């Protein structure tokens, strides 16, 4: 299947991110699902790696940035086009709402 958008998709988020200034991160091997020992990425490579991580992550109550459930699955072109449009819209409006390392917003102790 191939998706050809009818109109250009643009982000309206501000401020714009300069990918060349993207912070350094550990390098991931997405084929094997492991960190690459003693290697890091920065700038555009770090941005691309983060983008792939966001696409391949399931959204959960603790991890609120995943888009995996929006990846197109349909074998019907019309439905595939709608799924691609939904994903592209989610990508250009995507923001990380809370620090995922901060658990203060979640109640892990609930009564049954």
Protein backbone atom coordinates (compact mmCIF):
# COMPACT_ATOMS: atom_id res chain seq x y z
CA UNK A 1 0.00 0.00 0.00
CA UNK A 2 1.09 3.54 -0.65
CA UNK A 3 -0.30 6.73 0.85
CA UNK A 4 -0.23 9.96 -1.11
CA UNK A 5 -1.67 12.79 1.00
CA UNK A 6 -4.05 15.13 -0.79
CA UNK A 7 -2.57 18.14 1.03
CA UNK A 8 0.73 18.81 2.74
CA UNK A 9 0.94 17.95 6.42
CA UNK A 10 2.54 20.65 8.57
CA UNK A 11 3.15 20.98 12.29
CA UNK A 12 1.83 24.07 14.03
CA UNK A 13 3.78 23.39 17.25
CA UNK A 14 5.96 26.24 18.48
CA UNK A 15 8.79 26.73 19.18
CA UNK A 16 10.25 24.77 16.27
CA UNK A 17 12.91 22.22 17.10
CA UNK A 18 16.35 22.58 15.57
CA UNK A 19 17.27 18.91 15.12
CA UNK A 20 20.96 19.80 14.94
CA UNK A 21 20.73 20.82 18.62
CA UNK A 22 18.99 17.59 19.67
CA UNK A 23 20.61 16.21 22.81
CA UNK A 24 22.92 13.21 22.89
CA UNK A 25 21.41 9.79 23.61
CA UNK A 26 22.58 6.18 23.74
CA UNK A 27 22.57 4.54 20.30
CA UNK A 28 19.87 1.92 19.75
CA UNK A 29 19.97 -1.09 17.44
CA UNK A 30 16.32 -1.34 16.41
CA UNK A 31 16.83 -4.66 14.60
CA UNK A 32 18.09 -6.47 17.70
CA UNK A 33 16.30 -4.22 20.21
CA UNK A 34 19.46 -3.44 22.18
CA UNK A 35 21.64 -0.49 23.07
CA UNK A 36 24.88 -0.31 21.08
CA UNK A 37 27.69 -0.46 23.67
CA UNK A 38 29.87 2.65 23.97
CA UNK A 39 28.08 4.53 21.16
CA UNK A 40 25.87 7.60 21.24
CA UNK A 41 23.92 9.68 18.73
CA UNK A 42 23.23 13.40 18.66
CA UNK A 43 21.64 16.01 16.44
CA UNK A 44 19.64 14.68 13.49
CA UNK A 45 20.56 11.04 14.27
CA UNK A 46 19.27 11.44 17.84
CA UNK A 47 16.06 13.03 16.54
CA UNK A 48 15.49 10.18 14.06
CA UNK A 49 16.17 7.60 16.77
CA UNK A 50 13.69 9.30 19.15
CA UNK A 51 11.10 9.47 16.36
CA UNK A 52 11.46 5.72 15.73
CA UNK A 53 11.15 5.03 19.48
CA UNK A 54 7.94 7.08 19.65
CA UNK A 55 6.48 5.21 16.64
CA UNK A 56 7.37 1.79 18.09
CA UNK A 57 6.11 2.47 21.63
CA UNK A 58 2.69 1.54 22.96
CA UNK A 59 0.90 4.30 24.81
CA UNK A 60 0.21 3.36 28.45
CA UNK A 61 -0.89 5.26 31.58
CA UNK A 62 2.80 5.75 32.45
CA UNK A 63 4.27 6.12 28.94
CA UNK A 64 2.07 8.77 27.33
CA UNK A 65 4.01 9.31 24.12
CA UNK A 66 3.63 6.09 22.10
CA UNK A 67 2.07 6.02 18.64
CA UNK A 68 2.38 2.31 17.86
CA UNK A 69 -1.38 1.76 17.94
CA UNK A 70 -1.75 4.29 15.12
CA UNK A 71 0.50 2.52 12.60
CA UNK A 72 -1.59 1.59 9.53
CA UNK A 73 -2.81 -2.03 9.43
CA UNK A 74 -5.54 -2.07 6.79
CA UNK A 75 -5.32 -3.93 3.49
CA UNK A 76 -8.05 -1.74 2.01
CA UNK A 77 -6.62 1.39 0.34
CA UNK A 78 -9.38 3.74 1.56
CA UNK A 79 -9.00 2.59 5.17
CA UNK A 80 -5.20 2.60 4.83
CA UNK A 81 -5.37 6.23 3.65
CA UNK A 82 -7.48 7.19 6.71
CA UNK A 83 -5.08 5.38 9.05
CA UNK A 84 -2.09 7.18 7.47
CA UNK A 85 -3.86 10.52 7.81
CA UNK A 86 -4.59 9.82 11.50
CA UNK A 87 -0.95 8.87 12.12
CA UNK A 88 0.41 11.92 10.28
CA UNK A 89 -1.91 14.19 12.25
CA UNK A 90 -0.78 12.59 15.52
CA UNK A 91 2.87 13.05 14.52
CA UNK A 92 2.62 16.75 13.69
CA UNK A 93 0.63 17.55 16.84
CA UNK A 94 2.64 15.26 19.13
CA UNK A 95 4.01 16.68 22.36
CA UNK A 96 5.49 14.98 25.38
CA UNK A 97 3.05 16.10 28.04
CA UNK A 98 4.82 14.96 31.19
CA UNK A 99 8.25 13.75 32.15
CA UNK A 100 8.00 9.96 31.92
CA UNK A 101 10.57 9.62 34.72
CA UNK A 102 8.24 11.39 37.14
CA UNK A 103 5.70 9.11 38.76
CA UNK A 104 4.14 11.78 40.98
CA UNK A 105 1.10 11.98 38.69
CA UNK A 106 0.13 8.34 39.11
CA UNK A 107 -1.45 6.45 41.98
CA UNK A 108 0.03 2.95 42.09
CA UNK A 109 -1.67 2.07 45.37
CA UNK A 110 -5.34 1.48 44.78
CA UNK A 111 -7.79 -0.51 46.86
CA UNK A 112 -9.44 -3.51 45.29
